[in-house]
Full PDB file with SEQRES, HELIX, SHEET, SSBOND, CRYST1, ORIGX, SCALE, CONECT and MASTER records, all heavy atoms in Angstrom:
SEQRES   1 A   36  ARG LYS ILE VAL THR GLU GLY PRO GLU GLY VAL GLY PHE          
SEQRES   2 A   36  ILE SER GLY GLY SER GLY ILE MET GLY LEU ASN ASN LEU          
SEQRES   3 A   36  SER LYS ASP GLN ILE ASP TYR LEU VAL HIS                      
HELIX    1 AA1 PRO A    8  GLY A   10  5                                   3    
HELIX    2 AA2 SER A   18  ASN A   25  5                                   8    
HELIX    3 AA3 LYS A   28  VAL A   35  1                                   8    
SHEET    1 AA1 2 THR A   5  GLU A   6  0                                        
SHEET    2 AA1 2 GLY A  12  PHE A  13 -1                                        
CRYST1    1.000    1.000    1.000  90.00  90.00  90.00 P 1           1          
ORIGX1      1.000000  0.000000  0.000000        0.00000                         
ORIGX2      0.000000  1.000000  0.000000        0.00000                         
ORIGX3      0.000000  0.000000  1.000000        0.00000                         
SCALE1      1.000000  0.000000  0.000000        0.00000                         
SCALE2      0.000000  1.000000  0.000000        0.00000                         
SCALE3      0.000000  0.000000  1.000000        0.00000                         
ATOM      1  N   ARG A   1       0.813  -1.209   0.000  1.00  0.00           N  
ATOM      2  CA  ARG A   1       0.000   0.000   0.000  1.00  0.00           C  
ATOM      3  C   ARG A   1       0.847   1.261   0.000  1.00  0.00           C  
ATOM      4  O   ARG A   1       0.408   2.314  -0.448  1.00  0.00           O  
ATOM      5  CB  ARG A   1      -0.943  -0.010   1.208  1.00  0.00           C  
ATOM      6  CG  ARG A   1      -2.040  -1.060   1.114  1.00  0.00           C  
ATOM      7  CD  ARG A   1      -2.816  -1.201   2.389  1.00  0.00           C  
ATOM      8  NE  ARG A   1      -1.992  -1.746   3.462  1.00  0.00           N  
ATOM      9  CZ  ARG A   1      -2.455  -2.080   4.649  1.00  0.00           C  
ATOM     10  NH1 ARG A   1      -3.738  -1.932   4.923  1.00  0.00           N  
ATOM     11  NH2 ARG A   1      -1.657  -2.570   5.575  1.00  0.00           N  
ATOM     12  N   LYS A   2       2.090   1.134   0.470  1.00  0.00           N  
ATOM     13  CA  LYS A   2       2.964   2.306   0.545  1.00  0.00           C  
ATOM     14  C   LYS A   2       3.672   2.604  -0.774  1.00  0.00           C  
ATOM     15  O   LYS A   2       4.315   3.653  -0.900  1.00  0.00           O  
ATOM     16  CB  LYS A   2       3.998   2.109   1.657  1.00  0.00           C  
ATOM     17  CG  LYS A   2       3.376   2.067   3.050  1.00  0.00           C  
ATOM     18  CD  LYS A   2       4.437   1.959   4.132  1.00  0.00           C  
ATOM     19  CE  LYS A   2       3.798   1.965   5.513  1.00  0.00           C  
ATOM     20  NZ  LYS A   2       4.812   1.849   6.596  1.00  0.00           N  
ATOM     21  N   ILE A   3       3.575   1.692  -1.740  1.00  0.00           N  
ATOM     22  CA  ILE A   3       4.224   1.960  -3.028  1.00  0.00           C  
ATOM     23  C   ILE A   3       3.229   2.435  -4.074  1.00  0.00           C  
ATOM     24  O   ILE A   3       3.577   2.645  -5.230  1.00  0.00           O  
ATOM     25  CB  ILE A   3       4.978   0.725  -3.556  1.00  0.00           C  
ATOM     26  CG1 ILE A   3       4.015  -0.363  -4.005  1.00  0.00           C  
ATOM     27  CG2 ILE A   3       5.962   0.190  -2.516  1.00  0.00           C  
ATOM     28  CD1 ILE A   3       4.675  -1.477  -4.802  1.00  0.00           C  
ATOM     29  N   VAL A   4       1.972   2.610  -3.666  1.00  0.00           N  
ATOM     30  CA  VAL A   4       0.955   3.121  -4.581  1.00  0.00           C  
ATOM     31  C   VAL A   4       1.077   4.643  -4.653  1.00  0.00           C  
ATOM     32  O   VAL A   4       0.998   5.332  -3.641  1.00  0.00           O  
ATOM     33  CB  VAL A   4      -0.457   2.729  -4.132  1.00  0.00           C  
ATOM     34  CG1 VAL A   4      -1.507   3.338  -5.070  1.00  0.00           C  
ATOM     35  CG2 VAL A   4      -0.602   1.209  -4.107  1.00  0.00           C  
ATOM     36  N   THR A   5       1.303   5.160  -5.848  1.00  0.00           N  
ATOM     37  CA  THR A   5       1.382   6.601  -6.073  1.00  0.00           C  
ATOM     38  C   THR A   5       0.049   7.097  -6.608  1.00  0.00           C  
ATOM     39  O   THR A   5      -0.567   6.442  -7.449  1.00  0.00           O  
ATOM     40  CB  THR A   5       2.496   6.933  -7.088  1.00  0.00           C  
ATOM     41  OG1 THR A   5       3.741   6.424  -6.601  1.00  0.00           O  
ATOM     42  CG2 THR A   5       2.609   8.433  -7.307  1.00  0.00           C  
ATOM     43  N   GLU A   6      -0.400   8.237  -6.131  1.00  0.00           N  
ATOM     44  CA  GLU A   6      -1.680   8.778  -6.597  1.00  0.00           C  
ATOM     45  C   GLU A   6      -1.470   9.648  -7.815  1.00  0.00           C  
ATOM     46  O   GLU A   6      -0.635  10.551  -7.832  1.00  0.00           O  
ATOM     47  CB  GLU A   6      -2.370   9.581  -5.498  1.00  0.00           C  
ATOM     48  CG  GLU A   6      -3.762  10.055  -5.892  1.00  0.00           C  
ATOM     49  CD  GLU A   6      -4.545  10.643  -4.739  1.00  0.00           C  
ATOM     50  OE1 GLU A   6      -4.586  10.001  -3.669  1.00  0.00           O  
ATOM     51  OE2 GLU A   6      -5.115  11.743  -4.908  1.00  0.00           O  
ATOM     52  N   GLY A   7      -2.258   9.367  -8.853  1.00  0.00           N  
ATOM     53  CA  GLY A   7      -2.210  10.143 -10.077  1.00  0.00           C  
ATOM     54  C   GLY A   7      -3.438  11.019 -10.205  1.00  0.00           C  
ATOM     55  O   GLY A   7      -4.194  11.202  -9.241  1.00  0.00           O  
ATOM     56  N   PRO A   8      -3.697  11.566 -11.387  1.00  0.00           N  
ATOM     57  CA  PRO A   8      -4.856  12.432 -11.621  1.00  0.00           C  
ATOM     58  C   PRO A   8      -6.179  11.734 -11.298  1.00  0.00           C  
ATOM     59  O   PRO A   8      -6.317  10.530 -11.484  1.00  0.00           O  
ATOM     60  CB  PRO A   8      -4.761  12.736 -13.128  1.00  0.00           C  
ATOM     61  CG  PRO A   8      -3.310  12.562 -13.453  1.00  0.00           C  
ATOM     62  CD  PRO A   8      -2.843  11.440 -12.583  1.00  0.00           C  
ATOM     63  N   GLU A   9      -7.121  12.526 -10.793  1.00  0.00           N  
ATOM     64  CA  GLU A   9      -8.459  12.034 -10.461  1.00  0.00           C  
ATOM     65  C   GLU A   9      -8.438  10.975  -9.364  1.00  0.00           C  
ATOM     66  O   GLU A   9      -9.417  10.253  -9.162  1.00  0.00           O  
ATOM     67  CB  GLU A   9      -9.164  11.476 -11.704  1.00  0.00           C  
ATOM     68  CG  GLU A   9      -9.470  12.511 -12.756  1.00  0.00           C  
ATOM     69  CD  GLU A   9     -10.514  13.520 -12.315  1.00  0.00           C  
ATOM     70  OE1 GLU A   9     -11.540  13.107 -11.744  1.00  0.00           O  
ATOM     71  OE2 GLU A   9     -10.297  14.723 -12.533  1.00  0.00           O  
ATOM     72  N   GLY A  10      -7.299  10.845  -8.654  1.00  0.00           N  
ATOM     73  CA  GLY A  10      -7.208   9.859  -7.589  1.00  0.00           C  
ATOM     74  C   GLY A  10      -6.887   8.457  -8.054  1.00  0.00           C  
ATOM     75  O   GLY A  10      -6.947   7.503  -7.263  1.00  0.00           O  
ATOM     76  N   VAL A  11      -6.545   8.295  -9.338  1.00  0.00           N  
ATOM     77  CA  VAL A  11      -6.156   6.980  -9.847  1.00  0.00           C  
ATOM     78  C   VAL A  11      -4.815   6.589  -9.230  1.00  0.00           C  
ATOM     79  O   VAL A  11      -3.852   7.352  -9.272  1.00  0.00           O  
ATOM     80  CB  VAL A  11      -6.027   6.997 -11.386  1.00  0.00           C  
ATOM     81  CG1 VAL A  11      -5.491   5.663 -11.891  1.00  0.00           C  
ATOM     82  CG2 VAL A  11      -7.369   7.302 -12.030  1.00  0.00           C  
ATOM     83  N   GLY A  12      -4.739   5.426  -8.645  1.00  0.00           N  
ATOM     84  CA  GLY A  12      -3.478   4.953  -8.078  1.00  0.00           C  
ATOM     85  C   GLY A  12      -2.692   4.170  -9.108  1.00  0.00           C  
ATOM     86  O   GLY A  12      -3.269   3.573 -10.021  1.00  0.00           O  
ATOM     87  N   PHE A  13      -1.365   4.183  -8.989  1.00  0.00           N  
ATOM     88  CA  PHE A  13      -0.573   3.339  -9.877  1.00  0.00           C  
ATOM     89  C   PHE A  13       0.663   2.816  -9.159  1.00  0.00           C  
ATOM     90  O   PHE A  13       1.181   3.424  -8.223  1.00  0.00           O  
ATOM     91  CB  PHE A  13      -0.202   4.065 -11.179  1.00  0.00           C  
ATOM     92  CG  PHE A  13       0.876   5.114 -11.050  1.00  0.00           C  
ATOM     93  CD1 PHE A  13       2.203   4.805 -11.286  1.00  0.00           C  
ATOM     94  CD2 PHE A  13       0.547   6.419 -10.731  1.00  0.00           C  
ATOM     95  CE1 PHE A  13       3.183   5.770 -11.188  1.00  0.00           C  
ATOM     96  CE2 PHE A  13       1.518   7.394 -10.636  1.00  0.00           C  
ATOM     97  CZ  PHE A  13       2.848   7.078 -10.864  1.00  0.00           C  
ATOM     98  N   ILE A  14       1.087   1.648  -9.635  1.00  0.00           N  
ATOM     99  CA  ILE A  14       2.265   0.973  -9.078  1.00  0.00           C  
ATOM    100  C   ILE A  14       3.273   0.771 -10.189  1.00  0.00           C  
ATOM    101  O   ILE A  14       2.948   0.258 -11.252  1.00  0.00           O  
ATOM    102  CB  ILE A  14       1.889  -0.390  -8.468  1.00  0.00           C  
ATOM    103  CG1 ILE A  14       1.058  -0.189  -7.196  1.00  0.00           C  
ATOM    104  CG2 ILE A  14       3.132  -1.217  -8.152  1.00  0.00           C  
ATOM    105  CD1 ILE A  14       0.591  -1.487  -6.573  1.00  0.00           C  
ATOM    106  N   SER A  15       4.495   1.160  -9.936  1.00  0.00           N  
ATOM    107  CA  SER A  15       5.585   0.930 -10.879  1.00  0.00           C  
ATOM    108  C   SER A  15       6.214  -0.420 -10.581  1.00  0.00           C  
ATOM    109  O   SER A  15       6.519  -0.734  -9.434  1.00  0.00           O  
ATOM    110  CB  SER A  15       6.629   2.045 -10.759  1.00  0.00           C  
ATOM    111  OG  SER A  15       7.757   1.758 -11.554  1.00  0.00           O  
ATOM    112  N   GLY A  16       6.393  -1.238 -11.638  1.00  0.00           N  
ATOM    113  CA  GLY A  16       7.014  -2.541 -11.442  1.00  0.00           C  
ATOM    114  C   GLY A  16       8.483  -2.413 -11.095  1.00  0.00           C  
ATOM    115  O   GLY A  16       8.994  -3.092 -10.212  1.00  0.00           O  
ATOM    116  N   GLY A  17       9.173  -1.525 -11.792  1.00  0.00           N  
ATOM    117  CA  GLY A  17      10.594  -1.333 -11.517  1.00  0.00           C  
ATOM    118  C   GLY A  17      11.436  -2.455 -12.094  1.00  0.00           C  
ATOM    119  O   GLY A  17      10.963  -3.558 -12.352  1.00  0.00           O  
ATOM    120  N   SER A  18      12.697  -2.185 -12.313  1.00  0.00           N  
ATOM    121  CA  SER A  18      13.594  -3.174 -12.905  1.00  0.00           C  
ATOM    122  C   SER A  18      13.783  -4.396 -12.012  1.00  0.00           C  
ATOM    123  O   SER A  18      14.114  -5.474 -12.479  1.00  0.00           O  
ATOM    124  CB  SER A  18      14.959  -2.538 -13.194  1.00  0.00           C  
ATOM    125  OG  SER A  18      15.533  -2.026 -11.994  1.00  0.00           O  
ATOM    126  N   GLY A  19      13.537  -4.246 -10.715  1.00  0.00           N  
ATOM    127  CA  GLY A  19      13.735  -5.356  -9.786  1.00  0.00           C  
ATOM    128  C   GLY A  19      12.780  -6.504  -9.996  1.00  0.00           C  
ATOM    129  O   GLY A  19      12.994  -7.601  -9.479  1.00  0.00           O  
ATOM    130  N   ILE A  20      11.719  -6.277 -10.764  1.00  0.00           N  
ATOM    131  CA  ILE A  20      10.744  -7.351 -11.009  1.00  0.00           C  
ATOM    132  C   ILE A  20      11.368  -8.511 -11.773  1.00  0.00           C  
ATOM    133  O   ILE A  20      10.880  -9.617 -11.747  1.00  0.00           O  
ATOM    134  CB  ILE A  20       9.527  -6.804 -11.780  1.00  0.00           C  
ATOM    135  CG1 ILE A  20       8.332  -7.753 -11.616  1.00  0.00           C  
ATOM    136  CG2 ILE A  20       9.826  -6.603 -13.247  1.00  0.00           C  
ATOM    137  CD1 ILE A  20       7.047  -7.194 -12.149  1.00  0.00           C  
ATOM    138  N   MET A  21      12.487  -8.260 -12.436  1.00  0.00           N  
ATOM    139  CA  MET A  21      13.161  -9.320 -13.176  1.00  0.00           C  
ATOM    140  C   MET A  21      13.693 -10.399 -12.237  1.00  0.00           C  
ATOM    141  O   MET A  21      13.967 -11.507 -12.647  1.00  0.00           O  
ATOM    142  CB  MET A  21      14.316  -8.743 -13.999  1.00  0.00           C  
ATOM    143  CG  MET A  21      13.867  -7.675 -15.007  1.00  0.00           C  
ATOM    144  SD  MET A  21      12.599  -8.254 -16.129  1.00  0.00           S  
ATOM    145  CE  MET A  21      13.560  -9.422 -17.095  1.00  0.00           C  
ATOM    146  N   GLY A  22      13.805 -10.073 -10.954  1.00  0.00           N  
ATOM    147  CA  GLY A  22      14.306 -11.049  -9.994  1.00  0.00           C  
ATOM    148  C   GLY A  22      13.242 -11.970  -9.450  1.00  0.00           C  
ATOM    149  O   GLY A  22      13.525 -12.775  -8.566  1.00  0.00           O  
ATOM    150  N   LEU A  23      12.017 -11.887  -9.949  1.00  0.00           N  
ATOM    151  CA  LEU A  23      10.945 -12.735  -9.447  1.00  0.00           C  
ATOM    152  C   LEU A  23      11.201 -14.213  -9.686  1.00  0.00           C  
ATOM    153  O   LEU A  23      10.613 -15.061  -9.043  1.00  0.00           O  
ATOM    154  CB  LEU A  23       9.620 -12.344 -10.103  1.00  0.00           C  
ATOM    155  CG  LEU A  23       8.988 -11.023  -9.635  1.00  0.00           C  
ATOM    156  CD1 LEU A  23       7.761 -10.714 -10.456  1.00  0.00           C  
ATOM    157  CD2 LEU A  23       8.642 -11.082  -8.165  1.00  0.00           C  
ATOM    158  N   ASN A  24      12.084 -14.516 -10.624  1.00  0.00           N  
ATOM    159  CA  ASN A  24      12.380 -15.918 -10.930  1.00  0.00           C  
ATOM    160  C   ASN A  24      13.000 -16.656  -9.755  1.00  0.00           C  
ATOM    161  O   ASN A  24      12.872 -17.874  -9.634  1.00  0.00           O  
ATOM    162  CB  ASN A  24      13.340 -16.007 -12.120  1.00  0.00           C  
ATOM    163  CG  ASN A  24      12.723 -15.470 -13.388  1.00  0.00           C  
ATOM    164  OD1 ASN A  24      11.527 -15.498 -13.549  1.00  0.00           O  
ATOM    165  ND2 ASN A  24      13.555 -14.965 -14.277  1.00  0.00           N  
ATOM    166  N   ASN A  25      13.708 -15.950  -8.903  1.00  0.00           N  
ATOM    167  CA  ASN A  25      14.502 -16.600  -7.864  1.00  0.00           C  
ATOM    168  C   ASN A  25      14.016 -16.273  -6.458  1.00  0.00           C  
ATOM    169  O   ASN A  25      14.818 -16.224  -5.521  1.00  0.00           O  
ATOM    170  CB  ASN A  25      15.972 -16.178  -8.019  1.00  0.00           C  
ATOM    171  CG  ASN A  25      16.523 -16.528  -9.386  1.00  0.00           C  
ATOM    172  OD1 ASN A  25      16.407 -17.666  -9.827  1.00  0.00           O  
ATOM    173  ND2 ASN A  25      17.102 -15.550 -10.057  1.00  0.00           N  
ATOM    174  N   LEU A  26      12.718 -16.070  -6.311  1.00  0.00           N  
ATOM    175  CA  LEU A  26      12.197 -15.732  -4.999  1.00  0.00           C  
ATOM    176  C   LEU A  26      12.219 -16.927  -4.056  1.00  0.00           C  
ATOM    177  O   LEU A  26      12.006 -18.062  -4.456  1.00  0.00           O  
ATOM    178  CB  LEU A  26      10.756 -15.232  -5.117  1.00  0.00           C  
ATOM    179  CG  LEU A  26      10.532 -13.909  -5.857  1.00  0.00           C  
ATOM    180  CD1 LEU A  26       9.062 -13.553  -5.829  1.00  0.00           C  
ATOM    181  CD2 LEU A  26      11.374 -12.805  -5.266  1.00  0.00           C  
ATOM    182  N   SER A  27      12.448 -16.626  -2.792  1.00  0.00           N  
ATOM    183  CA  SER A  27      12.374 -17.656  -1.763  1.00  0.00           C  
ATOM    184  C   SER A  27      10.919 -17.850  -1.353  1.00  0.00           C  
ATOM    185  O   SER A  27      10.033 -17.060  -1.716  1.00  0.00           O  
ATOM    186  CB  SER A  27      13.184 -17.232  -0.541  1.00  0.00           C  
ATOM    187  OG  SER A  27      12.573 -16.107   0.081  1.00  0.00           O  
ATOM    188  N   LYS A  28      10.680 -18.895  -0.582  1.00  0.00           N  
ATOM    189  CA  LYS A  28       9.322 -19.158  -0.097  1.00  0.00           C  
ATOM    190  C   LYS A  28       8.811 -17.981   0.724  1.00  0.00           C  
ATOM    191  O   LYS A  28       7.662 -17.554   0.579  1.00  0.00           O  
ATOM    192  CB  LYS A  28       9.308 -20.428   0.757  1.00  0.00           C  
ATOM    193  CG  LYS A  28       7.936 -20.747   1.375  1.00  0.00           C  
ATOM    194  CD  LYS A  28       8.013 -21.976   2.245  1.00  0.00           C  
ATOM    195  CE  LYS A  28       6.655 -22.274   2.871  1.00  0.00           C  
ATOM    196  NZ  LYS A  28       6.198 -21.173   3.756  1.00  0.00           N  
ATOM    197  N   ASP A  29       9.647 -17.430   1.590  1.00  0.00           N  
ATOM    198  CA  ASP A  29       9.229 -16.305   2.424  1.00  0.00           C  
ATOM    199  C   ASP A  29       8.898 -15.080   1.578  1.00  0.00           C  
ATOM    200  O   ASP A  29       7.955 -14.344   1.881  1.00  0.00           O  
ATOM    201  CB  ASP A  29      10.324 -15.953   3.433  1.00  0.00           C  
ATOM    202  CG  ASP A  29      10.463 -17.012   4.522  1.00  0.00           C  
ATOM    203  OD1 ASP A  29       9.501 -17.785   4.712  1.00  0.00           O  
ATOM    204  OD2 ASP A  29      11.524 -17.062   5.167  1.00  0.00           O  
ATOM    205  N   GLN A  30       9.688 -14.850   0.530  1.00  0.00           N  
ATOM    206  CA  GLN A  30       9.419 -13.702  -0.336  1.00  0.00           C  
ATOM    207  C   GLN A  30       8.107 -13.878  -1.098  1.00  0.00           C  
ATOM    208  O   GLN A  30       7.329 -12.938  -1.250  1.00  0.00           O  
ATOM    209  CB  GLN A  30      10.581 -13.496  -1.313  1.00  0.00           C  
ATOM    210  CG  GLN A  30      11.835 -12.948  -0.652  1.00  0.00           C  
ATOM    211  CD  GLN A  30      13.037 -12.951  -1.589  1.00  0.00           C  
ATOM    212  OE1 GLN A  30      13.183 -13.859  -2.410  1.00  0.00           O  
ATOM    213  NE2 GLN A  30      13.892 -11.957  -1.459  1.00  0.00           N  
ATOM    214  N   ILE A  31       7.856 -15.101  -1.576  1.00  0.00           N  
ATOM    215  CA  ILE A  31       6.595 -15.385  -2.260  1.00  0.00           C  
ATOM    216  C   ILE A  31       5.426 -15.187  -1.301  1.00  0.00           C  
ATOM    217  O   ILE A  31       4.416 -14.563  -1.639  1.00  0.00           O  
ATOM    218  CB  ILE A  31       6.587 -16.823  -2.818  1.00  0.00           C  
ATOM    219  CG1 ILE A  31       7.619 -16.965  -3.936  1.00  0.00           C  
ATOM    220  CG2 ILE A  31       5.202 -17.183  -3.342  1.00  0.00           C  
ATOM    221  CD1 ILE A  31       7.772 -18.378  -4.445  1.00  0.00           C  
ATOM    222  N   ASP A  32       5.584 -15.711  -0.108  1.00  0.00           N  
ATOM    223  CA  ASP A  32       4.557 -15.589   0.920  1.00  0.00           C  
ATOM    224  C   ASP A  32       4.224 -14.118   1.157  1.00  0.00           C  
ATOM    225  O   ASP A  32       3.055 -13.708   1.140  1.00  0.00           O  
ATOM    226  CB  ASP A  32       5.069 -16.240   2.211  1.00  0.00           C  
ATOM    227  CG  ASP A  32       4.004 -16.321   3.288  1.00  0.00           C  
ATOM    228  OD1 ASP A  32       2.919 -15.746   3.086  1.00  0.00           O  
ATOM    229  OD2 ASP A  32       4.264 -16.942   4.320  1.00  0.00           O  
ATOM    230  N   TYR A  33       5.250 -13.325   1.360  1.00  0.00           N  
ATOM    231  CA  TYR A  33       5.049 -11.911   1.665  1.00  0.00           C  
ATOM    232  C   TYR A  33       4.430 -11.166   0.488  1.00  0.00           C  
ATOM    233  O   TYR A  33       3.538 -10.329   0.653  1.00  0.00           O  
ATOM    234  CB  TYR A  33       6.387 -11.266   2.045  1.00  0.00           C  
ATOM    235  CG  TYR A  33       6.248  -9.859   2.571  1.00  0.00           C  
ATOM    236  CD1 TYR A  33       5.767  -9.618   3.859  1.00  0.00           C  
ATOM    237  CD2 TYR A  33       6.582  -8.766   1.772  1.00  0.00           C  
ATOM    238  CE1 TYR A  33       5.620  -8.335   4.342  1.00  0.00           C  
ATOM    239  CE2 TYR A  33       6.439  -7.463   2.249  1.00  0.00           C  
ATOM    240  CZ  TYR A  33       5.969  -7.266   3.538  1.00  0.00           C  
ATOM    241  OH  TYR A  33       5.815  -5.982   4.010  1.00  0.00           O  
ATOM    242  N   LEU A  34       4.881 -11.469  -0.728  1.00  0.00           N  
ATOM    243  CA  LEU A  34       4.379 -10.785  -1.904  1.00  0.00           C  
ATOM    244  C   LEU A  34       2.908 -11.112  -2.149  1.00  0.00           C  
ATOM    245  O   LEU A  34       2.094 -10.210  -2.397  1.00  0.00           O  
ATOM    246  CB  LEU A  34       5.210 -11.154  -3.143  1.00  0.00           C  
ATOM    247  CG  LEU A  34       4.773 -10.521  -4.466  1.00  0.00           C  
ATOM    248  CD1 LEU A  34       4.823  -8.999  -4.372  1.00  0.00           C  
ATOM    249  CD2 LEU A  34       5.644 -11.014  -5.613  1.00  0.00           C  
ATOM    250  N   VAL A  35       2.543 -12.383  -2.097  1.00  0.00           N  
ATOM    251  CA  VAL A  35       1.156 -12.781  -2.328  1.00  0.00           C  
ATOM    252  C   VAL A  35       0.240 -12.159  -1.281  1.00  0.00           C  
ATOM    253  O   VAL A  35      -0.851 -11.663  -1.592  1.00  0.00           O  
ATOM    254  CB  VAL A  35       1.020 -14.318  -2.329  1.00  0.00           C  
ATOM    255  CG1 VAL A  35      -0.448 -14.730  -2.358  1.00  0.00           C  
ATOM    256  CG2 VAL A  35       1.758 -14.906  -3.514  1.00  0.00           C  
ATOM    257  N   HIS A  36       0.690 -12.176  -0.036  1.00  0.00           N  
ATOM    258  CA  HIS A  36      -0.099 -11.571   1.035  1.00  0.00           C  
ATOM    259  C   HIS A  36      -0.317 -10.086   0.762  1.00  0.00           C  
ATOM    260  O   HIS A  36      -1.429  -9.556   0.931  1.00  0.00           O  
ATOM    261  CB  HIS A  36       0.604 -11.748   2.378  1.00  0.00           C  
ATOM    262  CG  HIS A  36      -0.050 -10.997   3.505  1.00  0.00           C  
ATOM    263  ND1 HIS A  36      -1.238 -11.394   4.058  1.00  0.00           N  
ATOM    264  CD2 HIS A  36       0.312  -9.857   4.152  1.00  0.00           C  
ATOM    265  CE1 HIS A  36      -1.577 -10.543   5.016  1.00  0.00           C  
ATOM    266  NE2 HIS A  36      -0.661  -9.602   5.088  1.00  0.00           N  
TER     267      HIS A  36                                                      
MASTER        0    0    0    3    2    0    0    6  266    1    0    3          
END                                                                             
């Protein structure tokens, strides 16, 4: 919820960022936290 940026008219958006490329090697704890 803290990475949601507010745009025009109150539309929220989330940037994926270059770090999303590391999703291939997530640990169980990281998957758990992300899904939650």
